[in-house]
Amino acid sequence: KIGQGKANACNYLREHPEIAKTIDTKLREMLLSPAQPEAPAAGEKPEQEEEF
C-alpha cells in the first residue's frame, strides 16, 4: 500500500527507488516533450475563438 500523506509518500519512494525512477521518467516525458498542436482535418476550417 502506498503511504498516506506527504511524509509517508516520500518514505515509500525512498524505500522503492525503482518506482520513483518510473514516476520521474513518465513525468519528464509528459512535461518536457514539446506540445503538438492539433491540426484541422483536410477541408475543414479552423475554429476561431470567440472574443469576450
PDB file of N, CA and C in Angstrom:
ATOM      1  N   LYS A   1       0.854  -1.180   0.000  1.00  0.00           N
ATOM      2  CA  LYS A   1       0.000   0.000   0.000  1.00  0.00           C
ATOM      3  C   LYS A   1       0.893   1.233   0.000  1.00  0.00           C
ATOM      4  N   ILE A   2       0.605   2.165  -0.883  1.00  0.00           N
ATOM      5  CA  ILE A   2       1.383   3.398  -0.956  1.00  0.00           C
ATOM      6  C   ILE A   2       1.051   4.244   0.266  1.00  0.00           C
ATOM      7  N   GLY A   3       2.068   4.911   0.810  1.00  0.00           N
ATOM      8  CA  GLY A   3       1.915   5.704   2.024  1.00  0.00           C
ATOM      9  C   GLY A   3       0.864   6.791   1.913  1.00  0.00           C
ATOM     10  N   GLN A   4       0.266   7.108   3.027  1.00  0.00           N
ATOM     11  CA  GLN A   4      -0.730   8.168   3.108  1.00  0.00           C
ATOM     12  C   GLN A   4      -0.029   9.428   3.590  1.00  0.00           C
ATOM     13  N   GLY A   5      -0.249  10.526   2.930  1.00  0.00           N
ATOM     14  CA  GLY A   5       0.354  11.787   3.329  1.00  0.00           C
ATOM     15  C   GLY A   5       1.702  12.010   2.676  1.00  0.00           C
ATOM     16  N   LYS A   6       2.133  13.254   2.731  1.00  0.00           N
ATOM     17  CA  LYS A   6       3.366  13.655   2.052  1.00  0.00           C
ATOM     18  C   LYS A   6       4.600  12.950   2.614  1.00  0.00           C
ATOM     19  N   ALA A   7       4.744  12.917   3.934  1.00  0.00           N
ATOM     20  CA  ALA A   7       5.927  12.308   4.547  1.00  0.00           C
ATOM     21  C   ALA A   7       5.997  10.814   4.249  1.00  0.00           C
ATOM     22  N   ASN A   8       4.878  10.121   4.367  1.00  0.00           N
ATOM     23  CA  ASN A   8       4.869   8.683   4.096  1.00  0.00           C
ATOM     24  C   ASN A   8       5.105   8.392   2.622  1.00  0.00           C
ATOM     25  N   ALA A   9       4.602   9.244   1.741  1.00  0.00           N
ATOM     26  CA  ALA A   9       4.841   9.064   0.308  1.00  0.00           C
ATOM     27  C   ALA A   9       6.331   9.215   0.005  1.00  0.00           C
ATOM     28  N   CYS A  10       6.973  10.193   0.630  1.00  0.00           N
ATOM     29  CA  CYS A  10       8.419  10.384   0.439  1.00  0.00           C
ATOM     30  C   CYS A  10       9.190   9.168   0.941  1.00  0.00           C
ATOM     31  N   ASN A  11       8.811   8.661   2.112  1.00  0.00           N
ATOM     32  CA  ASN A  11       9.474   7.472   2.657  1.00  0.00           C
ATOM     33  C   ASN A  11       9.288   6.274   1.733  1.00  0.00           C
ATOM     34  N   TYR A  12       8.095   6.093   1.217  1.00  0.00           N
ATOM     35  CA  TYR A  12       7.807   4.972   0.317  1.00  0.00           C
ATOM     36  C   TYR A  12       8.696   5.042  -0.920  1.00  0.00           C
ATOM     37  N   LEU A  13       8.822   6.241  -1.499  1.00  0.00           N
ATOM     38  CA  LEU A  13       9.638   6.382  -2.712  1.00  0.00           C
ATOM     39  C   LEU A  13      11.123   6.189  -2.415  1.00  0.00           C
ATOM     40  N   ARG A  14      11.571   6.565  -1.212  1.00  0.00           N
ATOM     41  CA  ARG A  14      12.966   6.311  -0.832  1.00  0.00           C
ATOM     42  C   ARG A  14      13.218   4.806  -0.697  1.00  0.00           C
ATOM     43  N   GLU A  15      12.230   4.077  -0.175  1.00  0.00           N
ATOM     44  CA  GLU A  15      12.365   2.637   0.019  1.00  0.00           C
ATOM     45  C   GLU A  15      12.197   1.857  -1.287  1.00  0.00           C
ATOM     46  N   HIS A  16      11.582   2.471  -2.295  1.00  0.00           N
ATOM     47  CA  HIS A  16      11.322   1.814  -3.579  1.00  0.00           C
ATOM     48  C   HIS A  16      11.833   2.696  -4.723  1.00  0.00           C
ATOM     49  N   PRO A  17      13.162   2.771  -4.896  1.00  0.00           N
ATOM     50  CA  PRO A  17      13.725   3.673  -5.913  1.00  0.00           C
ATOM     51  C   PRO A  17      13.308   3.322  -7.340  1.00  0.00           C
ATOM     52  N   GLU A  18      12.982   2.056  -7.611  1.00  0.00           N
ATOM     53  CA  GLU A  18      12.564   1.688  -8.968  1.00  0.00           C
ATOM     54  C   GLU A  18      11.234   2.345  -9.318  1.00  0.00           C
ATOM     55  N   ILE A  19      10.335   2.466  -8.354  1.00  0.00           N
ATOM     56  CA  ILE A  19       9.054   3.136  -8.588  1.00  0.00           C
ATOM     57  C   ILE A  19       9.279   4.637  -8.743  1.00  0.00           C
ATOM     58  N   ALA A  20      10.157   5.202  -7.916  1.00  0.00           N
ATOM     59  CA  ALA A  20      10.463   6.631  -8.012  1.00  0.00           C
ATOM     60  C   ALA A  20      11.040   6.958  -9.387  1.00  0.00           C
ATOM     61  N   LYS A  21      11.916   6.090  -9.899  1.00  0.00           N
ATOM     62  CA  LYS A  21      12.518   6.330 -11.218  1.00  0.00           C
ATOM     63  C   LYS A  21      11.464   6.242 -12.318  1.00  0.00           C
ATOM     64  N   THR A  22      10.547   5.287 -12.214  1.00  0.00           N
ATOM     65  CA  THR A  22       9.479   5.144 -13.208  1.00  0.00           C
ATOM     66  C   THR A  22       8.599   6.386 -13.233  1.00  0.00           C
ATOM     67  N   ILE A  23       8.222   6.864 -12.060  1.00  0.00           N
ATOM     68  CA  ILE A  23       7.391   8.069 -11.965  1.00  0.00           C
ATOM     69  C   ILE A  23       8.133   9.262 -12.543  1.00  0.00           C
ATOM     70  N   ASP A  24       9.412   9.398 -12.192  1.00  0.00           N
ATOM     71  CA  ASP A  24      10.223  10.509 -12.684  1.00  0.00           C
ATOM     72  C   ASP A  24      10.305  10.492 -14.208  1.00  0.00           C
ATOM     73  N   THR A  25      10.548   9.329 -14.774  1.00  0.00           N
ATOM     74  CA  THR A  25      10.662   9.202 -16.230  1.00  0.00           C
ATOM     75  C   THR A  25       9.361   9.583 -16.921  1.00  0.00           C
ATOM     76  N   LYS A  26       8.232   9.075 -16.413  1.00  0.00           N
ATOM     77  CA  LYS A  26       6.942   9.371 -17.036  1.00  0.00           C
ATOM     78  C   LYS A  26       6.597  10.852 -16.934  1.00  0.00           C
ATOM     79  N   LEU A  27       6.879  11.463 -15.788  1.00  0.00           N
ATOM     80  CA  LEU A  27       6.598  12.891 -15.639  1.00  0.00           C
ATOM     81  C   LEU A  27       7.455  13.726 -16.579  1.00  0.00           C
ATOM     82  N   ARG A  28       8.731  13.378 -16.698  1.00  0.00           N
ATOM     83  CA  ARG A  28       9.605  14.124 -17.609  1.00  0.00           C
ATOM     84  C   ARG A  28       9.139  13.997 -19.054  1.00  0.00           C
ATOM     85  N   GLU A  29       8.684  12.803 -19.453  1.00  0.00           N
ATOM     86  CA  GLU A  29       8.174  12.619 -20.816  1.00  0.00           C
ATOM     87  C   GLU A  29       6.952  13.490 -21.059  1.00  0.00           C
ATOM     88  N   MET A  30       6.058  13.549 -20.077  1.00  0.00           N
ATOM     89  CA  MET A  30       4.821  14.317 -20.243  1.00  0.00           C
ATOM     90  C   MET A  30       5.074  15.823 -20.200  1.00  0.00           C
ATOM     91  N   LEU A  31       5.929  16.270 -19.290  1.00  0.00           N
ATOM     92  CA  LEU A  31       6.086  17.700 -19.068  1.00  0.00           C
ATOM     93  C   LEU A  31       7.146  18.353 -19.942  1.00  0.00           C
ATOM     94  N   LEU A  32       8.135  17.600 -20.372  1.00  0.00           N
ATOM     95  CA  LEU A  32       9.232  18.202 -21.124  1.00  0.00           C
ATOM     96  C   LEU A  32       9.145  17.982 -22.622  1.00  0.00           C
ATOM     97  N   SER A  33       8.199  17.181 -23.088  1.00  0.00           N
ATOM     98  CA  SER A  33       8.061  16.983 -24.527  1.00  0.00           C
ATOM     99  C   SER A  33       7.336  18.183 -25.126  1.00  0.00           C
ATOM    100  N   PRO A  34       7.716  18.581 -26.340  1.00  0.00           N
ATOM    101  CA  PRO A  34       7.049  19.731 -26.957  1.00  0.00           C
ATOM    102  C   PRO A  34       5.591  19.419 -27.249  1.00  0.00           C
ATOM    103  N   ALA A  35       4.744  20.389 -27.032  1.00  0.00           N
ATOM    104  CA  ALA A  35       3.310  20.217 -27.274  1.00  0.00           C
ATOM    105  C   ALA A  35       3.059  20.127 -28.773  1.00  0.00           C
ATOM    106  N   GLN A  36       2.211  19.213 -29.174  1.00  0.00           N
ATOM    107  CA  GLN A  36       1.848  19.044 -30.573  1.00  0.00           C
ATOM    108  C   GLN A  36       0.463  19.637 -30.784  1.00  0.00           C
ATOM    109  N   PRO A  37       0.375  20.804 -31.452  1.00  0.00           N
ATOM    110  CA  PRO A  37      -0.959  21.373 -31.693  1.00  0.00           C
ATOM    111  C   PRO A  37      -1.742  20.491 -32.655  1.00  0.00           C
ATOM    112  N   GLU A  38      -3.034  20.388 -32.411  1.00  0.00           N
ATOM    113  CA  GLU A  38      -3.876  19.568 -33.277  1.00  0.00           C
ATOM    114  C   GLU A  38      -4.181  20.337 -34.559  1.00  0.00           C
ATOM    115  N   ALA A  39      -3.877  19.728 -35.688  1.00  0.00           N
ATOM    116  CA  ALA A  39      -4.145  20.352 -36.981  1.00  0.00           C
ATOM    117  C   ALA A  39      -5.562  19.996 -37.410  1.00  0.00           C
ATOM    118  N   PRO A  40      -6.285  20.955 -38.025  1.00  0.00           N
ATOM    119  CA  PRO A  40      -7.625  20.620 -38.512  1.00  0.00           C
ATOM    120  C   PRO A  40      -7.539  19.617 -39.658  1.00  0.00           C
ATOM    121  N   ALA A  41      -8.549  18.795 -39.791  1.00  0.00           N
ATOM    122  CA  ALA A  41      -8.575  17.795 -40.859  1.00  0.00           C
ATOM    123  C   ALA A  41      -8.637  18.503 -42.208  1.00  0.00           C
ATOM    124  N   ALA A  42      -8.204  17.828 -43.251  1.00  0.00           N
ATOM    125  CA  ALA A  42      -8.192  18.411 -44.590  1.00  0.00           C
ATOM    126  C   ALA A  42      -9.597  18.840 -44.989  1.00  0.00           C
ATOM    127  N   GLY A  43      -9.720  20.054 -45.494  1.00  0.00           N
ATOM    128  CA  GLY A  43     -11.008  20.565 -45.949  1.00  0.00           C
ATOM    129  C   GLY A  43     -11.823  21.240 -44.860  1.00  0.00           C
ATOM    130  N   GLU A  44     -11.366  21.176 -43.623  1.00  0.00           N
ATOM    131  CA  GLU A  44     -12.103  21.823 -42.537  1.00  0.00           C
ATOM    132  C   GLU A  44     -11.492  23.180 -42.236  1.00  0.00           C
ATOM    133  N   LYS A  45     -12.341  24.114 -41.864  1.00  0.00           N
ATOM    134  CA  LYS A  45     -11.859  25.425 -41.462  1.00  0.00           C
ATOM    135  C   LYS A  45     -11.476  25.365 -39.986  1.00  0.00           C
ATOM    136  N   PRO A  46     -10.370  25.994 -39.614  1.00  0.00           N
ATOM    137  CA  PRO A  46     -10.013  26.001 -38.193  1.00  0.00           C
ATOM    138  C   PRO A  46     -11.044  26.808 -37.400  1.00  0.00           C
ATOM    139  N   GLU A  47     -11.335  26.338 -36.206  1.00  0.00           N
ATOM    140  CA  GLU A  47     -12.296  27.049 -35.368  1.00  0.00           C
ATOM    141  C   GLU A  47     -11.673  28.340 -34.867  1.00  0.00           C
ATOM    142  N   GLN A  48     -12.471  29.393 -34.865  1.00  0.00           N
ATOM    143  CA  GLN A  48     -11.990  30.663 -34.352  1.00  0.00           C
ATOM    144  C   GLN A  48     -12.494  30.826 -32.932  1.00  0.00           C
ATOM    145  N   GLU A  49     -11.623  31.375 -32.088  1.00  0.00           N
ATOM    146  CA  GLU A  49     -12.005  31.588 -30.701  1.00  0.00           C
ATOM    147  C   GLU A  49     -12.917  32.798 -30.603  1.00  0.00           C
ATOM    148  N   GLU A  50     -13.895  32.697 -29.729  1.00  0.00           N
ATOM    149  CA  GLU A  50     -14.795  33.824 -29.514  1.00  0.00           C
ATOM    150  C   GLU A  50     -14.098  34.864 -28.651  1.00  0.00           C
ATOM    151  N   GLU A  51     -14.335  36.118 -28.967  1.00  0.00           N
ATOM    152  CA  GLU A  51     -13.766  37.193 -28.163  1.00  0.00           C
ATOM    153  C   GLU A  51     -14.813  37.667 -27.178  1.00  0.00           C
ATOM    154  N   PHE A  52     -14.396  37.868 -25.969  1.00  0.00           N
ATOM    155  CA  PHE A  52     -15.318  38.342 -24.938  1.00  0.00           C
ATOM    156  C   PHE A  52     -15.041  39.771 -24.613  1.00  0.00           C
TER     157      PHE A  52
END
